[in-house]
Amino acid sequence: PVWPRSQLAALVRAHIPDKPSIMRCSFLALAAALRAVVAAALAHHDVVYLAVPRSQHRVTAQSDGRVHARWDQQGSWQRFTLERAEGPGELRSGDTVLFRAWTGKRL
């Protein structure tokens, strides 16, 4: 399904703790955010943008493999593709999900 960016971003923002940098944001926080948006019927290869609630800065992947949340832009560097470890299909509770950045690297 295609979701308006603002709606999906709001769902994810509501479930990521207030952190100035994704480097300090735990995997459990990202997992919690993903669980929260699974109800929105996300599927393998859907695109998401992750943001820090206080600053509204988006998680950004850099070409050297580092990630940060210092910019408020929402472009290709902030785009993450969901990959369901079990393969194509709708995301369900308990699924292992990877975030693939524009670089091809996974979080």
Protein backbone atom coordinates (compact mmCIF):
# COMPACT_ATOMS: atom_id res chain seq x y z
CA PRO A 1 0.00 0.00 0.00
CA VAL A 2 1.00 3.60 -0.58
CA TRP A 3 0.69 5.80 2.51
CA PRO A 4 0.96 9.60 2.57
CA ARG A 5 4.45 10.45 3.82
CA SER A 6 3.10 12.73 6.52
CA GLN A 7 0.83 10.02 7.94
CA LEU A 8 3.53 7.35 7.97
CA ALA A 9 6.13 9.77 9.34
CA ALA A 10 3.75 10.77 12.13
CA LEU A 11 3.22 7.14 13.07
CA VAL A 12 6.96 6.46 13.23
CA ARG A 13 7.76 9.77 14.99
CA ALA A 14 5.23 8.97 17.69
CA HIS A 15 7.13 5.83 18.64
CA ILE A 16 10.83 6.79 18.47
CA PRO A 17 12.26 8.22 21.68
CA ASP A 18 13.44 11.82 21.78
CA LYS A 19 17.12 11.43 20.82
CA PRO A 20 19.37 13.97 19.09
CA SER A 21 21.11 11.26 17.10
CA ILE A 22 20.10 7.86 15.78
CA MET A 23 23.53 6.64 16.88
CA ARG A 24 22.19 6.84 20.43
CA CYS A 25 18.78 5.45 19.55
CA SER A 26 18.60 1.79 20.46
CA PHE A 27 17.60 -1.00 18.14
CA LEU A 28 14.72 -1.69 20.54
CA ALA A 29 13.39 1.83 19.92
CA LEU A 30 13.51 1.25 16.17
CA ALA A 31 11.82 -2.11 16.66
CA ALA A 32 9.11 -0.46 18.75
CA ALA A 33 8.57 2.12 16.03
CA LEU A 34 8.27 -0.59 13.44
CA ARG A 35 5.78 -2.56 15.55
CA ALA A 36 3.69 0.59 15.86
CA VAL A 37 3.49 1.10 12.12
CA VAL A 38 2.92 -2.55 11.26
CA ALA A 39 -0.73 -1.85 12.01
CA ALA A 40 -0.59 0.48 9.00
CA ALA A 41 -0.21 -2.62 6.79
CA LEU A 42 3.39 -2.13 5.76
CA ALA A 43 4.94 -4.72 3.50
CA HIS A 44 8.30 -5.94 2.24
CA HIS A 45 9.95 -3.19 0.13
CA ASP A 46 7.78 -0.35 1.45
CA VAL A 47 9.62 2.93 2.00
CA VAL A 48 9.74 4.71 5.37
CA TYR A 49 11.33 7.86 6.77
CA LEU A 50 12.37 7.88 10.43
CA ALA A 51 12.37 11.12 12.43
CA VAL A 52 13.28 12.29 15.94
CA PRO A 53 10.14 13.75 17.58
CA ARG A 54 11.67 16.82 19.24
CA SER A 55 13.76 18.08 16.34
CA GLN A 56 11.82 16.52 13.44
CA HIS A 57 15.22 15.67 11.96
CA ARG A 58 15.18 12.60 9.74
CA VAL A 59 17.50 9.65 10.13
CA THR A 60 20.06 10.04 7.34
CA ALA A 61 22.35 7.38 5.86
CA GLN A 62 25.68 8.59 4.53
CA SER A 63 27.77 6.96 1.81
CA ASP A 64 30.43 5.93 4.35
CA GLY A 65 27.86 3.81 6.23
CA ARG A 66 27.29 6.21 9.12
CA VAL A 67 23.82 7.36 10.11
CA HIS A 68 22.73 10.50 11.94
CA ALA A 69 19.66 12.64 12.59
CA ARG A 70 20.96 16.17 12.06
CA TRP A 71 18.94 17.26 9.01
CA ASP A 72 15.25 17.95 8.55
CA GLN A 73 15.25 17.00 4.88
CA GLN A 74 13.22 14.12 3.48
CA GLY A 75 15.03 12.92 0.39
CA SER A 76 16.81 9.87 -0.95
CA TRP A 77 19.42 9.87 1.84
CA GLN A 78 16.61 9.70 4.43
CA ARG A 79 14.68 6.96 2.63
CA PHE A 80 14.80 3.44 4.08
CA THR A 81 13.31 0.38 2.42
CA LEU A 82 11.82 -2.23 4.69
CA GLU A 83 13.03 -5.77 4.07
CA ARG A 84 11.14 -8.62 5.62
CA ALA A 85 13.65 -11.39 6.40
CA GLU A 86 11.04 -14.01 5.53
CA GLY A 87 10.67 -12.51 2.05
CA PRO A 88 7.82 -10.74 0.28
CA GLY A 89 4.59 -10.20 2.15
CA GLU A 90 2.84 -7.96 4.63
CA LEU A 91 4.72 -7.26 7.85
CA ARG A 92 3.36 -9.05 10.90
CA SER A 93 4.14 -8.96 14.58
CA GLY A 94 7.27 -10.99 15.27
CA ASP A 95 8.74 -10.60 11.76
CA THR A 96 12.43 -9.78 11.46
CA VAL A 97 12.71 -6.55 9.50
CA LEU A 98 15.79 -4.81 8.13
CA PHE A 99 16.10 -1.18 7.04
CA ARG A 100 18.03 -0.83 3.75
CA ALA A 101 19.47 2.60 3.04
CA TRP A 102 20.02 4.18 -0.38
CA THR A 103 23.62 2.94 -0.15
CA GLY A 104 22.45 -0.67 -0.19
CA LYS A 105 23.66 -1.11 3.39
CA ARG A 106 21.30 -2.25 6.13
CA LEU A 107 20.78 -0.87 9.61
